[in-house]
Amino acid sequence: MKRLEEISREELIQEVISNSKYLEEIEAARKDEERMIAELEKQVKLLEDITKSISQGESGIAEAMPKLQELLKMKDRLTPELRNEVETLAKNCSLYENNRRHL
């Protein structure tokens, strides 16, 4: 770089303009970087929320499975009992209807 005394006024103006443009480019790049960092932080937060949700869903399923299995066992046990009761009621209704017809 030339010594300040050796630089003409026009050269100084051009140097200032050039440096000003360079600083504007640096500032624009910094703002882009900040915007990208903010976007990445949003994506990280979203990913953390999704991971937490999946984790809670998995633990919820793990907690629900024994209860669901117990309900299935109850269904398997109660279905034949209820079927027998329905058949008994149907027979009793048939007997009642037959007795009523004969009266």
PDB file of N, CA and C in Angstrom:
ATOM      1  N   MET A   1       0.838  -1.172   0.000  1.00  0.00           N
ATOM      2  CA  MET A   1       0.000   0.000   0.000  1.00  0.00           C
ATOM      3  C   MET A   1       0.895   1.250   0.000  1.00  0.00           C
ATOM      4  N   LYS A   2       0.499   2.196  -0.768  1.00  0.00           N
ATOM      5  CA  LYS A   2       1.268   3.443  -0.871  1.00  0.00           C
ATOM      6  C   LYS A   2       1.166   4.232   0.429  1.00  0.00           C
ATOM      7  N   ARG A   3       2.151   5.037   0.624  1.00  0.00           N
ATOM      8  CA  ARG A   3       2.080   5.947   1.771  1.00  0.00           C
ATOM      9  C   ARG A   3       0.999   6.964   1.522  1.00  0.00           C
ATOM     10  N   LEU A   4       0.366   7.420   2.551  1.00  0.00           N
ATOM     11  CA  LEU A   4      -0.765   8.341   2.451  1.00  0.00           C
ATOM     12  C   LEU A   4      -0.409   9.603   1.663  1.00  0.00           C
ATOM     13  N   GLU A   5       0.793  10.100   1.800  1.00  0.00           N
ATOM     14  CA  GLU A   5       1.188  11.314   1.090  1.00  0.00           C
ATOM     15  C   GLU A   5       1.273  11.088  -0.410  1.00  0.00           C
ATOM     16  N   GLU A   6       1.524   9.847  -0.818  1.00  0.00           N
ATOM     17  CA  GLU A   6       1.718   9.544  -2.231  1.00  0.00           C
ATOM     18  C   GLU A   6       0.403   9.259  -2.953  1.00  0.00           C
ATOM     19  N   ILE A   7      -0.702   9.117  -2.228  1.00  0.00           N
ATOM     20  CA  ILE A   7      -1.986   8.755  -2.827  1.00  0.00           C
ATOM     21  C   ILE A   7      -2.742  10.024  -3.194  1.00  0.00           C
ATOM     22  N   SER A   8      -3.247  10.051  -4.389  1.00  0.00           N
ATOM     23  CA  SER A   8      -4.027  11.208  -4.829  1.00  0.00           C
ATOM     24  C   SER A   8      -5.419  11.176  -4.207  1.00  0.00           C
ATOM     25  N   ARG A   9      -6.087  12.284  -4.280  1.00  0.00           N
ATOM     26  CA  ARG A   9      -7.446  12.400  -3.719  1.00  0.00           C
ATOM     27  C   ARG A   9      -8.392  11.401  -4.372  1.00  0.00           C
ATOM     28  N   GLU A  10      -8.347  11.252  -5.701  1.00  0.00           N
ATOM     29  CA  GLU A  10      -9.214  10.309  -6.415  1.00  0.00           C
ATOM     30  C   GLU A  10      -8.934   8.871  -5.981  1.00  0.00           C
ATOM     31  N   GLU A  11      -7.651   8.544  -5.798  1.00  0.00           N
ATOM     32  CA  GLU A  11      -7.300   7.195  -5.348  1.00  0.00           C
ATOM     33  C   GLU A  11      -7.847   6.938  -3.942  1.00  0.00           C
ATOM     34  N   LEU A  12      -7.776   7.947  -3.096  1.00  0.00           N
ATOM     35  CA  LEU A  12      -8.327   7.799  -1.741  1.00  0.00           C
ATOM     36  C   LEU A  12      -9.834   7.577  -1.786  1.00  0.00           C
ATOM     37  N   ILE A  13     -10.511   8.340  -2.638  1.00  0.00           N
ATOM     38  CA  ILE A  13     -11.968   8.185  -2.774  1.00  0.00           C
ATOM     39  C   ILE A  13     -12.297   6.781  -3.272  1.00  0.00           C
ATOM     40  N   GLN A  14     -11.562   6.308  -4.282  1.00  0.00           N
ATOM     41  CA  GLN A  14     -11.789   4.966  -4.816  1.00  0.00           C
ATOM     42  C   GLN A  14     -11.524   3.896  -3.748  1.00  0.00           C
ATOM     43  N   GLU A  15     -10.471   4.110  -2.968  1.00  0.00           N
ATOM     44  CA  GLU A  15     -10.141   3.166  -1.896  1.00  0.00           C
ATOM     45  C   GLU A  15     -11.252   3.134  -0.841  1.00  0.00           C
ATOM     46  N   VAL A  16     -11.774   4.297  -0.471  1.00  0.00           N
ATOM     47  CA  VAL A  16     -12.861   4.376   0.508  1.00  0.00           C
ATOM     48  C   VAL A  16     -14.107   3.693  -0.042  1.00  0.00           C
ATOM     49  N   ILE A  17     -14.437   3.951  -1.313  1.00  0.00           N
ATOM     50  CA  ILE A  17     -15.608   3.318  -1.942  1.00  0.00           C
ATOM     51  C   ILE A  17     -15.431   1.806  -1.978  1.00  0.00           C
ATOM     52  N   SER A  18     -14.245   1.360  -2.372  1.00  0.00           N
ATOM     53  CA  SER A  18     -13.966  -0.078  -2.433  1.00  0.00           C
ATOM     54  C   SER A  18     -14.099  -0.716  -1.048  1.00  0.00           C
ATOM     55  N   ASN A  19     -13.514  -0.072  -0.049  1.00  0.00           N
ATOM     56  CA  ASN A  19     -13.609  -0.601   1.320  1.00  0.00           C
ATOM     57  C   ASN A  19     -15.049  -0.587   1.817  1.00  0.00           C
ATOM     58  N   SER A  20     -15.795   0.438   1.457  1.00  0.00           N
ATOM     59  CA  SER A  20     -17.192   0.539   1.854  1.00  0.00           C
ATOM     60  C   SER A  20     -18.005  -0.608   1.257  1.00  0.00           C
ATOM     61  N   LYS A  21     -17.779  -0.887  -0.031  1.00  0.00           N
ATOM     62  CA  LYS A  21     -18.486  -2.007  -0.680  1.00  0.00           C
ATOM     63  C   LYS A  21     -18.096  -3.329  -0.031  1.00  0.00           C
ATOM     64  N   TYR A  22     -16.817  -3.467   0.282  1.00  0.00           N
ATOM     65  CA  TYR A  22     -16.345  -4.691   0.922  1.00  0.00           C
ATOM     66  C   TYR A  22     -17.010  -4.872   2.289  1.00  0.00           C
ATOM     67  N   LEU A  23     -17.102  -3.775   3.047  1.00  0.00           N
ATOM     68  CA  LEU A  23     -17.764  -3.839   4.354  1.00  0.00           C
ATOM     69  C   LEU A  23     -19.250  -4.166   4.213  1.00  0.00           C
ATOM     70  N   GLU A  24     -19.907  -3.639   3.183  1.00  0.00           N
ATOM     71  CA  GLU A  24     -21.317  -3.962   2.933  1.00  0.00           C
ATOM     72  C   GLU A  24     -21.484  -5.445   2.619  1.00  0.00           C
ATOM     73  N   GLU A  25     -20.558  -5.994   1.826  1.00  0.00           N
ATOM     74  CA  GLU A  25     -20.611  -7.424   1.507  1.00  0.00           C
ATOM     75  C   GLU A  25     -20.415  -8.265   2.763  1.00  0.00           C
ATOM     76  N   ILE A  26     -19.476  -7.834   3.601  1.00  0.00           N
ATOM     77  CA  ILE A  26     -19.242  -8.556   4.857  1.00  0.00           C
ATOM     78  C   ILE A  26     -20.482  -8.492   5.742  1.00  0.00           C
ATOM     79  N   GLU A  27     -21.096  -7.323   5.825  1.00  0.00           N
ATOM     80  CA  GLU A  27     -22.308  -7.161   6.646  1.00  0.00           C
ATOM     81  C   GLU A  27     -23.451  -8.014   6.100  1.00  0.00           C
ATOM     82  N   ALA A  28     -23.607  -8.043   4.772  1.00  0.00           N
ATOM     83  CA  ALA A  28     -24.657  -8.870   4.161  1.00  0.00           C
ATOM     84  C   ALA A  28     -24.397 -10.347   4.448  1.00  0.00           C
ATOM     85  N   ALA A  29     -23.133 -10.760   4.354  1.00  0.00           N
ATOM     86  CA  ALA A  29     -22.785 -12.154   4.644  1.00  0.00           C
ATOM     87  C   ALA A  29     -23.061 -12.477   6.111  1.00  0.00           C
ATOM     88  N   ARG A  30     -22.769 -11.535   7.016  1.00  0.00           N
ATOM     89  CA  ARG A  30     -23.025 -11.749   8.446  1.00  0.00           C
ATOM     90  C   ARG A  30     -24.517 -11.910   8.710  1.00  0.00           C
ATOM     91  N   LYS A  31     -25.324 -11.057   8.057  1.00  0.00           N
ATOM     92  CA  LYS A  31     -26.778 -11.150   8.225  1.00  0.00           C
ATOM     93  C   LYS A  31     -27.305 -12.470   7.673  1.00  0.00           C
ATOM     94  N   ASP A  32     -26.778 -12.913   6.520  1.00  0.00           N
ATOM     95  CA  ASP A  32     -27.175 -14.210   5.968  1.00  0.00           C
ATOM     96  C   ASP A  32     -26.808 -15.331   6.931  1.00  0.00           C
ATOM     97  N   GLU A  33     -25.613 -15.224   7.506  1.00  0.00           N
ATOM     98  CA  GLU A  33     -25.174 -16.238   8.458  1.00  0.00           C
ATOM     99  C   GLU A  33     -26.096 -16.264   9.679  1.00  0.00           C
ATOM    100  N   GLU A  34     -26.460 -15.103  10.198  1.00  0.00           N
ATOM    101  CA  GLU A  34     -27.375 -15.035  11.347  1.00  0.00           C
ATOM    102  C   GLU A  34     -28.734 -15.628  10.997  1.00  0.00           C
ATOM    103  N   ARG A  35     -29.223 -15.328   9.786  1.00  0.00           N
ATOM    104  CA  ARG A  35     -30.510 -15.863   9.346  1.00  0.00           C
ATOM    105  C   ARG A  35     -30.439 -17.388   9.248  1.00  0.00           C
ATOM    106  N   MET A  36     -29.341 -17.906   8.673  1.00  0.00           N
ATOM    107  CA  MET A  36     -29.194 -19.357   8.548  1.00  0.00           C
ATOM    108  C   MET A  36     -29.074 -20.016   9.916  1.00  0.00           C
ATOM    109  N   ILE A  37     -28.356 -19.379  10.839  1.00  0.00           N
ATOM    110  CA  ILE A  37     -28.228 -19.927  12.193  1.00  0.00           C
ATOM    111  C   ILE A  37     -29.593 -19.968  12.868  1.00  0.00           C
ATOM    112  N   ALA A  38     -30.373 -18.902  12.720  1.00  0.00           N
ATOM    113  CA  ALA A  38     -31.719 -18.874  13.305  1.00  0.00           C
ATOM    114  C   ALA A  38     -32.583 -19.979  12.709  1.00  0.00           C
ATOM    115  N   GLU A  39     -32.481 -20.186  11.400  1.00  0.00           N
ATOM    116  CA  GLU A  39     -33.255 -21.245  10.742  1.00  0.00           C
ATOM    117  C   GLU A  39     -32.816 -22.619  11.240  1.00  0.00           C
ATOM    118  N   LEU A  40     -31.512 -22.816  11.373  1.00  0.00           N
ATOM    119  CA  LEU A  40     -31.008 -24.090  11.893  1.00  0.00           C
ATOM    120  C   LEU A  40     -31.464 -24.316  13.333  1.00  0.00           C
ATOM    121  N   GLU A  41     -31.476 -23.257  14.140  1.00  0.00           N
ATOM    122  CA  GLU A  41     -31.951 -23.387  15.522  1.00  0.00           C
ATOM    123  C   GLU A  41     -33.421 -23.789  15.558  1.00  0.00           C
ATOM    124  N   LYS A  42     -34.224 -23.231  14.647  1.00  0.00           N
ATOM    125  CA  LYS A  42     -35.634 -23.626  14.560  1.00  0.00           C
ATOM    126  C   LYS A  42     -35.751 -25.096  14.191  1.00  0.00           C
ATOM    127  N   GLN A  43     -34.927 -25.532  13.232  1.00  0.00           N
ATOM    128  CA  GLN A  43     -34.975 -26.925  12.807  1.00  0.00           C
ATOM    129  C   GLN A  43     -34.537 -27.858  13.926  1.00  0.00           C
ATOM    130  N   VAL A  44     -33.508 -27.457  14.681  1.00  0.00           N
ATOM    131  CA  VAL A  44     -33.052 -28.261  15.822  1.00  0.00           C
ATOM    132  C   VAL A  44     -34.165 -28.377  16.857  1.00  0.00           C
ATOM    133  N   LYS A  45     -34.833 -27.259  17.157  1.00  0.00           N
ATOM    134  CA  LYS A  45     -35.941 -27.268  18.124  1.00  0.00           C
ATOM    135  C   LYS A  45     -37.057 -28.189  17.652  1.00  0.00           C
ATOM    136  N   LEU A  46     -37.391 -28.089  16.366  1.00  0.00           N
ATOM    137  CA  LEU A  46     -38.433 -28.944  15.815  1.00  0.00           C
ATOM    138  C   LEU A  46     -38.031 -30.411  15.904  1.00  0.00           C
ATOM    139  N   LEU A  47     -36.788 -30.715  15.575  1.00  0.00           N
ATOM    140  CA  LEU A  47     -36.299 -32.087  15.660  1.00  0.00           C
ATOM    141  C   LEU A  47     -36.328 -32.589  17.099  1.00  0.00           C
ATOM    142  N   GLU A  48     -35.948 -31.731  18.049  1.00  0.00           N
ATOM    143  CA  GLU A  48     -36.015 -32.119  19.462  1.00  0.00           C
ATOM    144  C   GLU A  48     -37.452 -32.396  19.880  1.00  0.00           C
ATOM    145  N   ASP A  49     -38.379 -31.551  19.446  1.00  0.00           N
ATOM    146  CA  ASP A  49     -39.795 -31.757  19.773  1.00  0.00           C
ATOM    147  C   ASP A  49     -40.307 -33.061  19.180  1.00  0.00           C
ATOM    148  N   ILE A  50     -39.924 -33.337  17.933  1.00  0.00           N
ATOM    149  CA  ILE A  50     -40.352 -34.577  17.277  1.00  0.00           C
ATOM    150  C   ILE A  50     -39.767 -35.777  18.008  1.00  0.00           C
ATOM    151  N   THR A  51     -38.476 -35.706  18.347  1.00  0.00           N
ATOM    152  CA  THR A  51     -37.824 -36.806  19.064  1.00  0.00           C
ATOM    153  C   THR A  51     -38.501 -37.045  20.410  1.00  0.00           C
ATOM    154  N   LYS A  52     -38.813 -35.954  21.116  1.00  0.00           N
ATOM    155  CA  LYS A  52     -39.498 -36.070  22.415  1.00  0.00           C
ATOM    156  C   LYS A  52     -40.876 -36.693  22.231  1.00  0.00           C
ATOM    157  N   SER A  53     -41.585 -36.258  21.210  1.00  0.00           N
ATOM    158  CA  SER A  53     -42.922 -36.783  20.945  1.00  0.00           C
ATOM    159  C   SER A  53     -42.866 -38.275  20.635  1.00  0.00           C
ATOM    160  N   ILE A  54     -41.901 -38.664  19.811  1.00  0.00           N
ATOM    161  CA  ILE A  54     -41.747 -40.086  19.477  1.00  0.00           C
ATOM    162  C   ILE A  54     -41.413 -40.876  20.728  1.00  0.00           C
ATOM    163  N   SER A  55     -40.508 -40.338  21.541  1.00  0.00           N
ATOM    164  CA  SER A  55     -40.111 -41.014  22.771  1.00  0.00           C
ATOM    165  C   SER A  55     -41.306 -41.195  23.700  1.00  0.00           C
ATOM    166  N   GLN A  56     -42.112 -40.140  23.839  1.00  0.00           N
ATOM    167  CA  GLN A  56     -43.296 -40.231  24.692  1.00  0.00           C
ATOM    168  C   GLN A  56     -44.297 -41.211  24.104  1.00  0.00           C
ATOM    169  N   GLY A  57     -44.411 -41.219  22.789  1.00  0.00           N
ATOM    170  CA  GLY A  57     -45.323 -42.156  22.136  1.00  0.00           C
ATOM    171  C   GLY A  57     -44.900 -43.589  22.378  1.00  0.00           C
ATOM    172  N   GLU A  58     -43.590 -43.832  22.268  1.00  0.00           N
ATOM    173  CA  GLU A  58     -43.087 -45.181  22.505  1.00  0.00           C
ATOM    174  C   GLU A  58     -43.302 -45.594  23.951  1.00  0.00           C
ATOM    175  N   SER A  59     -43.037 -44.695  24.889  1.00  0.00           N
ATOM    176  CA  SER A  59     -43.239 -45.056  26.292  1.00  0.00           C
ATOM    177  C   SER A  59     -44.727 -45.216  26.581  1.00  0.00           C
ATOM    178  N   GLY A  60     -45.554 -44.405  25.921  1.00  0.00           N
ATOM    179  CA  GLY A  60     -47.001 -44.544  26.082  1.00  0.00           C
ATOM    180  C   GLY A  60     -47.489 -45.883  25.575  1.00  0.00           C
ATOM    181  N   ILE A  61     -46.947 -46.300  24.446  1.00  0.00           N
ATOM    182  CA  ILE A  61     -47.313 -47.607  23.889  1.00  0.00           C
ATOM    183  C   ILE A  61     -46.836 -48.707  24.827  1.00  0.00           C
ATOM    184  N   ALA A  62     -45.613 -48.565  25.339  1.00  0.00           N
ATOM    185  CA  ALA A  62     -45.079 -49.569  26.262  1.00  0.00           C
ATOM    186  C   ALA A  62     -45.945 -49.667  27.515  1.00  0.00           C
ATOM    187  N   GLU A  63     -46.435 -48.530  27.999  1.00  0.00           N
ATOM    188  CA  GLU A  63     -47.306 -48.545  29.179  1.00  0.00           C
ATOM    189  C   GLU A  63     -48.679 -49.116  28.848  1.00  0.00           C
ATOM    190  N   ALA A  64     -49.162 -48.854  27.648  1.00  0.00           N
ATOM    191  CA  ALA A  64     -50.506 -49.289  27.274  1.00  0.00           C
ATOM    192  C   ALA A  64     -50.568 -50.775  26.930  1.00  0.00           C
ATOM    193  N   MET A  65     -49.476 -51.354  26.472  1.00  0.00           N
ATOM    194  CA  MET A  65     -49.495 -52.750  26.022  1.00  0.00           C
ATOM    195  C   MET A  65     -50.006 -53.720  27.087  1.00  0.00           C
ATOM    196  N   PRO A  66     -49.518 -53.690  28.328  1.00  0.00           N
ATOM    197  CA  PRO A  66     -50.049 -54.627  29.325  1.00  0.00           C
ATOM    198  C   PRO A  66     -51.554 -54.445  29.542  1.00  0.00           C
ATOM    199  N   LYS A  67     -52.001 -53.199  29.536  1.00  0.00           N
ATOM    200  CA  LYS A  67     -53.430 -52.940  29.722  1.00  0.00           C
ATOM    201  C   LYS A  67     -54.229 -53.487  28.547  1.00  0.00           C
ATOM    202  N   LEU A  68     -53.702 -53.276  27.344  1.00  0.00           N
ATOM    203  CA  LEU A  68     -54.387 -53.806  26.162  1.00  0.00           C
ATOM    204  C   LEU A  68     -54.418 -55.331  26.184  1.00  0.00           C
ATOM    205  N   GLN A  69     -53.315 -55.940  26.605  1.00  0.00           N
ATOM    206  CA  GLN A  69     -53.284 -57.402  26.693  1.00  0.00           C
ATOM    207  C   GLN A  69     -54.286 -57.906  27.730  1.00  0.00           C
ATOM    208  N   GLU A  70     -54.398 -57.212  28.840  1.00  0.00           N
ATOM    209  CA  GLU A  70     -55.378 -57.591  29.863  1.00  0.00           C
ATOM    210  C   GLU A  70     -56.795 -57.474  29.321  1.00  0.00           C
ATOM    211  N   LEU A  71     -57.057 -56.405  28.564  1.00  0.00           N
ATOM    212  CA  LEU A  71     -58.384 -56.248  27.954  1.00  0.00           C
ATOM    213  C   LEU A  71     -58.678 -57.376  26.966  1.00  0.00           C
ATOM    214  N   LEU A  72     -57.681 -57.772  26.200  1.00  0.00           N
ATOM    215  CA  LEU A  72     -57.880 -58.890  25.266  1.00  0.00           C
ATOM    216  C   LEU A  72     -58.170 -60.190  26.018  1.00  0.00           C
ATOM    217  N   LYS A  73     -57.471 -60.415  27.127  1.00  0.00           N
ATOM    218  CA  LYS A  73     -57.734 -61.608  27.934  1.00  0.00           C
ATOM    219  C   LYS A  73     -59.161 -61.579  28.475  1.00  0.00           C
ATOM    220  N   MET A  74     -59.587 -60.396  28.959  1.00  0.00           N
ATOM    221  CA  MET A  74     -60.953 -60.262  29.467  1.00  0.00           C
ATOM    222  C   MET A  74     -61.960 -60.546  28.356  1.00  0.00           C
ATOM    223  N   LYS A  75     -61.695 -60.020  27.167  1.00  0.00           N
ATOM    224  CA  LYS A  75     -62.600 -60.247  26.036  1.00  0.00           C
ATOM    225  C   LYS A  75     -62.675 -61.736  25.720  1.00  0.00           C
ATOM    226  N   ASP A  76     -61.508 -62.382  25.691  1.00  0.00           N
ATOM    227  CA  ASP A  76     -61.484 -63.815  25.386  1.00  0.00           C
ATOM    228  C   ASP A  76     -62.221 -64.623  26.452  1.00  0.00           C
ATOM    229  N   ARG A  77     -62.148 -64.191  27.700  1.00  0.00           N
ATOM    230  CA  ARG A  77     -62.822 -64.898  28.782  1.00  0.00           C
ATOM    231  C   ARG A  77     -64.322 -64.606  28.794  1.00  0.00           C
ATOM    232  N   LEU A  78     -64.692 -63.342  28.568  1.00  0.00           N
ATOM    233  CA  LEU A  78     -66.092 -62.951  28.690  1.00  0.00           C
ATOM    234  C   LEU A  78     -66.932 -63.295  27.464  1.00  0.00           C
ATOM    235  N   THR A  79     -66.311 -63.346  26.299  1.00  0.00           N
ATOM    236  CA  THR A  79     -67.089 -63.618  25.085  1.00  0.00           C
ATOM    237  C   THR A  79     -67.841 -64.942  25.171  1.00  0.00           C
ATOM    238  N   PRO A  80     -67.194 -66.051  25.525  1.00  0.00           N
ATOM    239  CA  PRO A  80     -67.960 -67.309  25.638  1.00  0.00           C
ATOM    240  C   PRO A  80     -69.036 -67.246  26.721  1.00  0.00           C
ATOM    241  N   GLU A  81     -68.727 -66.576  27.843  1.00  0.00           N
ATOM    242  CA  GLU A  81     -69.722 -66.456  28.908  1.00  0.00           C
ATOM    243  C   GLU A  81     -70.947 -65.690  28.414  1.00  0.00           C
ATOM    244  N   LEU A  82     -70.697 -64.576  27.743  1.00  0.00           N
ATOM    245  CA  LEU A  82     -71.813 -63.781  27.219  1.00  0.00           C
ATOM    246  C   LEU A  82     -72.584 -64.551  26.151  1.00  0.00           C
ATOM    247  N   ARG A  83     -71.853 -65.289  25.320  1.00  0.00           N
ATOM    248  CA  ARG A  83     -72.525 -66.089  24.289  1.00  0.00           C
ATOM    249  C   ARG A  83     -73.455 -67.118  24.948  1.00  0.00           C
ATOM    250  N   ASN A  84     -72.974 -67.770  26.003  1.00  0.00           N
ATOM    251  CA  ASN A  84     -73.806 -68.743  26.719  1.00  0.00           C
ATOM    252  C   ASN A  84     -75.033 -68.078  27.327  1.00  0.00           C
ATOM    253  N   GLU A  85     -74.847 -66.892  27.909  1.00  0.00           N
ATOM    254  CA  GLU A  85     -75.983 -66.179  28.490  1.00  0.00           C
ATOM    255  C   GLU A  85     -77.006 -65.807  27.429  1.00  0.00           C
ATOM    256  N   VAL A  86     -76.522 -65.352  26.274  1.00  0.00           N
ATOM    257  CA  VAL A  86     -77.437 -64.991  25.187  1.00  0.00           C
ATOM    258  C   VAL A  86     -78.198 -66.222  24.712  1.00  0.00           C
ATOM    259  N   GLU A  87     -77.487 -67.341  24.560  1.00  0.00           N
ATOM    260  CA  GLU A  87     -78.162 -68.575  24.132  1.00  0.00           C
ATOM    261  C   GLU A  87     -79.192 -69.016  25.168  1.00  0.00           C
ATOM    262  N   THR A  88     -78.854 -68.911  26.444  1.00  0.00           N
ATOM    263  CA  THR A  88     -79.785 -69.278  27.511  1.00  0.00           C
ATOM    264  C   THR A  88     -81.008 -68.371  27.476  1.00  0.00           C
ATOM    265  N   LEU A  89     -80.785 -67.066  27.317  1.00  0.00           N
ATOM    266  CA  LEU A  89     -81.910 -66.134  27.226  1.00  0.00           C
ATOM    267  C   LEU A  89     -82.774 -66.429  26.009  1.00  0.00           C
ATOM    268  N   ALA A  90     -82.129 -66.763  24.897  1.00  0.00           N
ATOM    269  CA  ALA A  90     -82.892 -67.079  23.684  1.00  0.00           C
ATOM    270  C   ALA A  90     -83.743 -68.325  23.908  1.00  0.00           C
ATOM    271  N   LYS A  91     -83.176 -69.341  24.563  1.00  0.00           N
ATOM    272  CA  LYS A  91     -83.947 -70.559  24.845  1.00  0.00           C
ATOM    273  C   LYS A  91     -85.106 -70.251  25.780  1.00  0.00           C
ATOM    274  N   ASN A  92     -84.838 -69.463  26.822  1.00  0.00           N
ATOM    275  CA  ASN A  92     -85.894 -69.104  27.767  1.00  0.00           C
ATOM    276  C   ASN A  92     -86.999 -68.317  27.074  1.00  0.00           C
ATOM    277  N   CYS A  93     -86.624 -67.428  26.165  1.00  0.00           N
ATOM    278  CA  CYS A  93     -87.630 -66.665  25.420  1.00  0.00           C
ATOM    279  C   CYS A  93     -88.455 -67.600  24.544  1.00  0.00           C
ATOM    280  N   SER A  94     -87.770 -68.563  23.918  1.00  0.00           N
ATOM    281  CA  SER A  94     -88.494 -69.520  23.071  1.00  0.00           C
ATOM    282  C   SER A  94     -89.453 -70.343  23.909  1.00  0.00           C
ATOM    283  N   LEU A  95     -88.992 -70.809  25.072  1.00  0.00           N
ATOM    284  CA  LEU A  95     -89.861 -71.577  25.957  1.00  0.00           C
ATOM    285  C   LEU A  95     -91.033 -70.720  26.419  1.00  0.00           C
ATOM    286  N   TYR A  96     -90.785 -69.464  26.748  1.00  0.00           N
ATOM    287  CA  TYR A  96     -91.837 -68.560  27.180  1.00  0.00           C
ATOM    288  C   TYR A  96     -92.855 -68.365  26.070  1.00  0.00           C
ATOM    289  N   GLU A  97     -92.379 -68.171  24.851  1.00  0.00           N
ATOM    290  CA  GLU A  97     -93.286 -67.988  23.710  1.00  0.00           C
ATOM    291  C   GLU A  97     -94.104 -69.255  23.472  1.00  0.00           C
ATOM    292  N   ASN A  98     -93.462 -70.419  23.559  1.00  0.00           N
ATOM    293  CA  ASN A  98     -94.185 -71.684  23.361  1.00  0.00           C
ATOM    294  C   ASN A  98     -95.248 -71.876  24.440  1.00  0.00           C
ATOM    295  N   ASN A  99     -94.903 -71.588  25.681  1.00  0.00           N
ATOM    296  CA  ASN A  99     -95.872 -71.718  26.769  1.00  0.00           C
ATOM    297  C   ASN A  99     -97.017 -70.733  26.594  1.00  0.00           C
ATOM    298  N   ARG A 100     -96.734 -69.562  26.133  1.00  0.00           N
ATOM    299  CA  ARG A 100     -97.755 -68.549  25.938  1.00  0.00           C
ATOM    300  C   ARG A 100     -98.723 -68.949  24.836  1.00  0.00           C
ATOM    301  N   ARG A 101     -98.195 -69.560  23.804  1.00  0.00           N
ATOM    302  CA  ARG A 101     -99.056 -69.979  22.690  1.00  0.00           C
ATOM    303  C   ARG A 101    -100.023 -71.072  23.141  1.00  0.00           C
ATOM    304  N   HIS A 102     -99.574 -71.915  24.040  1.00  0.00           N
ATOM    305  CA  HIS A 102    -100.416 -73.018  24.489  1.00  0.00           C
ATOM    306  C   HIS A 102    -101.465 -72.573  25.495  1.00  0.00           C
ATOM    307  N   LEU A 103    -101.356 -71.400  26.019  1.00  0.00           N
ATOM    308  CA  LEU A 103    -102.343 -70.934  26.995  1.00  0.00           C
ATOM    309  C   LEU A 103    -103.513 -70.343  26.344  1.00  0.00           C
TER     310      LEU A 103
END
